[in-house]
Amino acid sequence: MKDYDELLKYYELYETIGTGGFAKVKLACHILTGEMVAIKIMDKNALGSDLPRVKTEIDALKNLRHQHICQLYHVLETTNKIFIVLEYCPGGELFDYIISQDRLSEEETRVVFRQIVAAVAYVHSRGYAHRDLKPENFLFDEHHKVKMIDFGLCAKPKGNKDYLLQTCCGSLAYAAPELIQGKSYLGSEADVWSMGILLYVLMCGFLPFDDDNVMALYKKIVACSMQECRIRGLPSRCQKKAWDAKQRASEGNM
């Protein structure tokens, strides 16, 4: 518990509210202010090659302040642990909310997606690309406002916003064709593609490209850049709006 000594000077720890491959998240309370926070606790020895990703996320969050981005409050590092103190978002993941609702109404989709767009636009204005936009990486706060999380795969291209990236990363179902084909790509444009997929998922409740076979999924994603993907399951009044938005996203013009 020696690793926790410094942390416990500031925070009272409660139950675990999340777990991952190399981290757990605990609910906590700031002793002086009484504010509830979420503390991501990571074992440095278990992180291994993922340690640079954690450093990337911390560096990004230090430079990003926006109403729709989960705020970083405090970082503590000991010999064996890294503690990242974050804004507490009790509303849960956007992914779980979509599942619980089957799909979002047209009006709620508009409200949620506008907040996502605001967050992404701000990230891009600061010179970053998120590169892992998906429903699991958005939370709701106590007022049901969207908060973007997980900047471990983000990039801040050297030079300017037109600097091409090379790394293939993120979640395949939300990845742009040029990214999974191993081509050089603009991080901001890859994010816009992912936003188009996100919009589809919000309105339909399922992915536009889905397959248990990775190679089959790869082919479906690449083919979409050349042919129309039929939007299944949407009310007829939403069909044209959703298709037009998806087309603009796939062309990087949203």
Protein backbone atom coordinates (compact mmCIF):
# COMPACT_ATOMS: atom_id res chain seq x y z
CA MET A 1 0.00 0.00 0.00
CA LYS A 2 3.04 2.31 0.10
CA ASP A 3 2.34 3.25 -3.52
CA TYR A 4 -1.02 4.63 -2.36
CA ASP A 5 0.32 6.84 0.44
CA GLU A 6 0.53 10.05 -1.61
CA LEU A 7 -2.83 9.44 -3.29
CA LEU A 8 -4.58 8.89 0.03
CA LYS A 9 -3.49 12.33 1.21
CA TYR A 10 -5.94 13.80 -1.28
CA TYR A 11 -8.59 11.17 -2.04
CA GLU A 12 -10.76 8.67 -0.22
CA LEU A 13 -11.10 5.52 -2.33
CA TYR A 14 -14.37 3.65 -2.81
CA GLU A 15 -15.46 0.71 -4.97
CA THR A 16 -14.00 -0.41 -8.28
CA ILE A 17 -16.22 0.84 -11.13
CA GLY A 18 -14.24 -0.48 -14.08
CA THR A 19 -11.50 -2.92 -15.03
CA GLY A 20 -9.31 -3.39 -18.08
CA GLY A 21 -6.35 -5.41 -19.24
CA PHE A 22 -3.79 -3.46 -17.22
CA ALA A 23 -5.88 -1.01 -15.20
CA LYS A 24 -8.77 -0.65 -12.83
CA VAL A 25 -10.90 2.42 -12.17
CA LYS A 26 -12.03 3.33 -8.68
CA LEU A 27 -14.64 5.79 -7.54
CA ALA A 28 -13.10 8.29 -5.13
CA CYS A 29 -13.83 11.51 -3.30
CA HIS A 30 -11.53 14.52 -3.02
CA ILE A 31 -11.06 14.97 0.72
CA LEU A 32 -11.10 18.78 0.76
CA THR A 33 -13.78 19.56 -1.84
CA GLY A 34 -15.99 16.47 -1.59
CA GLU A 35 -16.00 16.17 -5.39
CA MET A 36 -16.46 12.65 -6.75
CA VAL A 37 -13.79 11.54 -9.22
CA ALA A 38 -12.75 8.43 -11.14
CA ILE A 39 -9.17 7.25 -10.58
CA LYS A 40 -7.53 5.01 -13.16
CA ILE A 41 -4.92 2.88 -11.40
CA MET A 42 -2.24 1.16 -13.47
CA ASP A 43 0.57 -1.20 -12.54
CA LYS A 44 3.67 0.00 -14.40
CA ASN A 45 5.18 -3.48 -14.47
CA ALA A 46 2.04 -4.89 -16.12
CA LEU A 47 1.90 -2.10 -18.70
CA GLY A 48 5.02 -3.20 -20.55
CA SER A 49 4.89 -1.93 -24.13
CA ASP A 50 1.63 -0.07 -23.38
CA LEU A 51 3.42 2.45 -21.15
CA PRO A 52 4.03 4.91 -24.06
CA ARG A 53 0.30 4.79 -24.83
CA VAL A 54 -0.47 5.85 -21.26
CA LYS A 55 2.04 8.69 -21.49
CA THR A 56 0.43 9.76 -24.79
CA GLU A 57 -3.00 9.90 -23.16
CA ILE A 58 -1.74 11.91 -20.20
CA ASP A 59 0.07 14.41 -22.43
CA ALA A 60 -3.03 14.88 -24.59
CA LEU A 61 -5.41 15.35 -21.67
CA LYS A 62 -3.09 17.96 -20.15
CA ASN A 63 -3.52 20.01 -23.32
CA LEU A 64 -7.24 19.48 -23.96
CA ARG A 65 -9.99 21.32 -22.08
CA HIS A 66 -13.50 21.09 -23.48
CA GLN A 67 -17.01 20.61 -22.12
CA HIS A 68 -17.36 17.33 -24.03
CA ILE A 69 -13.97 15.83 -23.11
CA CYS A 70 -13.51 13.99 -19.82
CA GLN A 71 -11.31 16.31 -17.76
CA LEU A 72 -7.96 15.33 -16.28
CA TYR A 73 -7.55 16.59 -12.70
CA HIS A 74 -4.39 15.03 -11.33
CA VAL A 75 -1.63 12.56 -12.19
CA LEU A 76 0.47 10.77 -9.58
CA GLU A 77 3.31 8.39 -10.40
CA THR A 78 5.14 6.16 -7.93
CA THR A 79 7.74 3.45 -8.37
CA ASN A 80 5.12 0.85 -9.30
CA LYS A 81 1.88 2.71 -10.04
CA ILE A 82 0.38 5.45 -12.18
CA PHE A 83 -2.77 7.15 -10.88
CA ILE A 84 -4.82 9.24 -13.32
CA VAL A 85 -7.57 11.26 -11.62
CA LEU A 86 -10.42 12.05 -14.00
CA GLU A 87 -13.84 13.65 -14.08
CA TYR A 88 -16.45 11.15 -12.87
CA CYS A 89 -19.12 10.32 -15.46
CA PRO A 90 -21.86 8.29 -13.73
CA GLY A 91 -24.04 7.97 -16.83
CA GLY A 92 -22.01 5.10 -18.29
CA GLU A 93 -20.86 4.35 -21.83
CA LEU A 94 -22.63 5.54 -24.96
CA PHE A 95 -22.29 1.95 -26.21
CA ASP A 96 -24.34 0.55 -23.32
CA TYR A 97 -26.92 3.30 -23.73
CA ILE A 98 -27.41 2.47 -27.42
CA ILE A 99 -27.88 -1.20 -26.54
CA SER A 100 -30.43 -0.34 -23.84
CA GLN A 101 -32.43 1.83 -26.27
CA ASP A 102 -32.07 -0.51 -29.27
CA ARG A 103 -31.28 2.64 -31.26
CA LEU A 104 -31.58 6.36 -30.63
CA SER A 105 -34.43 8.47 -31.94
CA GLU A 106 -33.72 10.98 -34.68
CA GLU A 107 -33.91 13.86 -32.19
CA GLU A 108 -31.66 12.22 -29.59
CA THR A 109 -29.20 11.22 -32.31
CA ARG A 110 -29.02 14.86 -33.33
CA VAL A 111 -28.33 15.99 -29.75
CA VAL A 112 -25.71 13.33 -29.01
CA PHE A 113 -23.95 13.56 -32.36
CA ARG A 114 -23.72 17.35 -32.17
CA GLN A 115 -21.80 16.97 -28.91
CA ILE A 116 -19.49 14.36 -30.45
CA VAL A 117 -18.81 16.66 -33.40
CA ALA A 118 -18.02 19.54 -31.03
CA ALA A 119 -15.49 17.42 -29.14
CA VAL A 120 -13.82 16.10 -32.29
CA ALA A 121 -13.67 19.55 -33.88
CA TYR A 122 -11.95 20.90 -30.77
CA VAL A 123 -9.45 18.01 -30.69
CA HIS A 124 -8.60 18.68 -34.34
CA SER A 125 -8.30 22.43 -33.69
CA ARG A 126 -5.63 21.63 -31.10
CA GLY A 127 -3.67 19.64 -33.65
CA TYR A 128 -4.65 16.15 -32.46
CA ALA A 129 -6.38 13.19 -34.10
CA HIS A 130 -8.15 10.78 -31.72
CA ARG A 131 -7.92 7.67 -33.95
CA ASP A 132 -10.21 5.46 -31.85
CA LEU A 133 -13.66 7.02 -32.05
CA LYS A 134 -16.35 4.50 -31.10
CA PRO A 135 -19.32 4.39 -28.69
CA GLU A 136 -17.21 2.75 -25.97
CA ASN A 137 -15.03 5.86 -25.87
CA PHE A 138 -17.81 8.27 -24.96
CA LEU A 139 -19.37 8.54 -21.51
CA PHE A 140 -22.35 10.43 -20.11
CA ASP A 141 -22.01 12.73 -17.11
CA GLU A 142 -24.72 13.25 -14.50
CA HIS A 143 -26.52 15.67 -16.84
CA HIS A 144 -26.45 13.19 -19.76
CA LYS A 145 -23.82 15.25 -21.55
CA VAL A 146 -21.34 13.39 -23.74
CA LYS A 147 -17.70 13.16 -22.65
CA MET A 148 -14.92 11.83 -24.92
CA ILE A 149 -12.37 9.49 -23.31
CA ASP A 150 -9.36 7.26 -24.13
CA PHE A 151 -6.66 9.25 -25.90
CA GLY A 152 -4.14 6.43 -25.80
CA LEU A 153 -4.03 6.14 -29.60
CA CYS A 154 -4.21 9.84 -30.37
CA ALA A 155 -1.61 11.53 -32.52
CA LYS A 156 -0.39 15.09 -32.82
CA PRO A 157 1.22 15.16 -36.27
CA LYS A 158 4.49 17.02 -36.58
CA GLY A 159 4.56 20.09 -38.77
CA ASN A 160 0.89 20.81 -39.51
CA LYS A 161 -2.54 19.25 -39.82
CA ASP A 162 -1.73 17.99 -43.34
CA TYR A 163 1.11 15.78 -42.07
CA LEU A 164 0.42 12.17 -43.07
CA LEU A 165 0.31 9.39 -40.47
CA GLN A 166 1.38 5.78 -40.99
CA THR A 167 0.29 3.75 -37.94
CA CYS A 168 -2.67 1.41 -38.34
CA CYS A 169 -4.58 1.55 -35.07
CA GLY A 170 -8.04 1.80 -33.54
CA SER A 171 -11.05 -0.50 -33.88
CA LEU A 172 -11.46 -2.21 -37.25
CA ALA A 173 -15.23 -1.70 -37.58
CA TYR A 174 -14.74 2.09 -37.24
CA ALA A 175 -11.48 2.38 -39.20
CA ALA A 176 -11.18 4.26 -42.50
CA PRO A 177 -10.29 2.24 -45.63
CA GLU A 178 -6.98 4.03 -46.21
CA LEU A 179 -5.92 3.27 -42.64
CA ILE A 180 -6.55 -0.47 -42.76
CA GLN A 181 -5.01 -0.68 -46.24
CA GLY A 182 -1.72 0.50 -44.78
CA LYS A 183 -1.72 3.76 -46.73
CA SER A 184 -0.56 7.11 -45.39
CA TYR A 185 -3.53 9.05 -44.06
CA LEU A 186 -4.63 12.30 -42.45
CA GLY A 187 -5.61 11.67 -38.84
CA SER A 188 -8.45 14.18 -38.97
CA GLU A 189 -9.95 12.52 -42.05
CA ALA A 190 -9.73 9.08 -40.43
CA ASP A 191 -11.62 10.52 -37.45
CA VAL A 192 -14.33 11.91 -39.74
CA TRP A 193 -14.85 8.46 -41.28
CA SER A 194 -15.23 7.00 -37.77
CA MET A 195 -17.78 9.70 -36.98
CA GLY A 196 -19.82 8.60 -39.99
CA ILE A 197 -19.84 5.03 -38.66
CA LEU A 198 -20.78 6.35 -35.23
CA LEU A 199 -23.72 8.27 -36.67
CA TYR A 200 -24.94 5.12 -38.41
CA VAL A 201 -24.71 3.14 -35.15
CA LEU A 202 -26.61 5.81 -33.22
CA MET A 203 -29.50 5.75 -35.69
CA CYS A 204 -29.57 2.03 -36.50
CA GLY A 205 -28.30 0.32 -33.36
CA PHE A 206 -25.85 -1.85 -35.31
CA LEU A 207 -22.73 -1.48 -37.44
CA PRO A 208 -22.89 -0.79 -41.19
CA PHE A 209 -20.02 -3.24 -41.77
CA ASP A 210 -19.91 -6.30 -39.58
CA ASP A 211 -18.52 -9.80 -39.95
CA ASP A 212 -17.03 -12.40 -37.60
CA ASN A 213 -14.30 -12.99 -40.17
CA VAL A 214 -11.70 -10.22 -40.01
CA MET A 215 -10.75 -10.44 -43.69
CA ALA A 216 -14.40 -10.37 -44.77
CA LEU A 217 -14.95 -7.28 -42.62
CA TYR A 218 -11.85 -5.68 -44.12
CA LYS A 219 -13.22 -6.22 -47.63
CA LYS A 220 -16.61 -4.75 -46.72
CA ILE A 221 -15.02 -1.60 -45.34
CA VAL A 222 -12.78 -1.10 -48.36
CA ALA A 223 -15.67 -1.71 -50.78
CA CYS A 224 -17.72 1.03 -49.13
CA SER A 225 -15.38 3.64 -50.54
CA MET A 226 -16.56 2.62 -54.02
CA GLN A 227 -20.21 1.73 -53.67
CA GLU A 228 -23.29 2.68 -51.69
CA CYS A 229 -23.95 0.81 -48.47
CA ARG A 230 -27.69 0.29 -47.98
CA ILE A 231 -28.86 1.70 -44.66
CA ARG A 232 -30.98 -1.01 -43.10
CA GLY A 233 -33.45 -0.53 -40.30
CA LEU A 234 -33.88 3.23 -40.50
CA PRO A 235 -37.28 4.93 -40.59
CA SER A 236 -37.86 6.07 -44.17
CA ARG A 237 -37.78 9.78 -43.24
CA CYS A 238 -34.22 9.32 -41.91
CA GLN A 239 -32.83 7.36 -44.83
CA LYS A 240 -31.72 10.24 -47.05
CA LYS A 241 -30.41 12.35 -44.15
CA ALA A 242 -28.31 9.50 -42.80
CA TRP A 243 -27.00 8.45 -46.19
CA ASP A 244 -26.02 12.03 -47.11
CA ALA A 245 -24.21 12.43 -43.77
CA LYS A 246 -22.42 9.10 -44.15
CA GLN A 247 -21.34 10.06 -47.67
CA ARG A 248 -19.90 13.36 -46.45
CA ALA A 249 -18.07 11.53 -43.67
CA SER A 250 -16.61 8.96 -46.06
CA GLU A 251 -15.37 11.79 -48.28
CA GLY A 252 -13.89 13.68 -45.32
CA ASN A 253 -16.26 16.61 -45.78
CA MET A 254 -18.46 16.47 -42.69
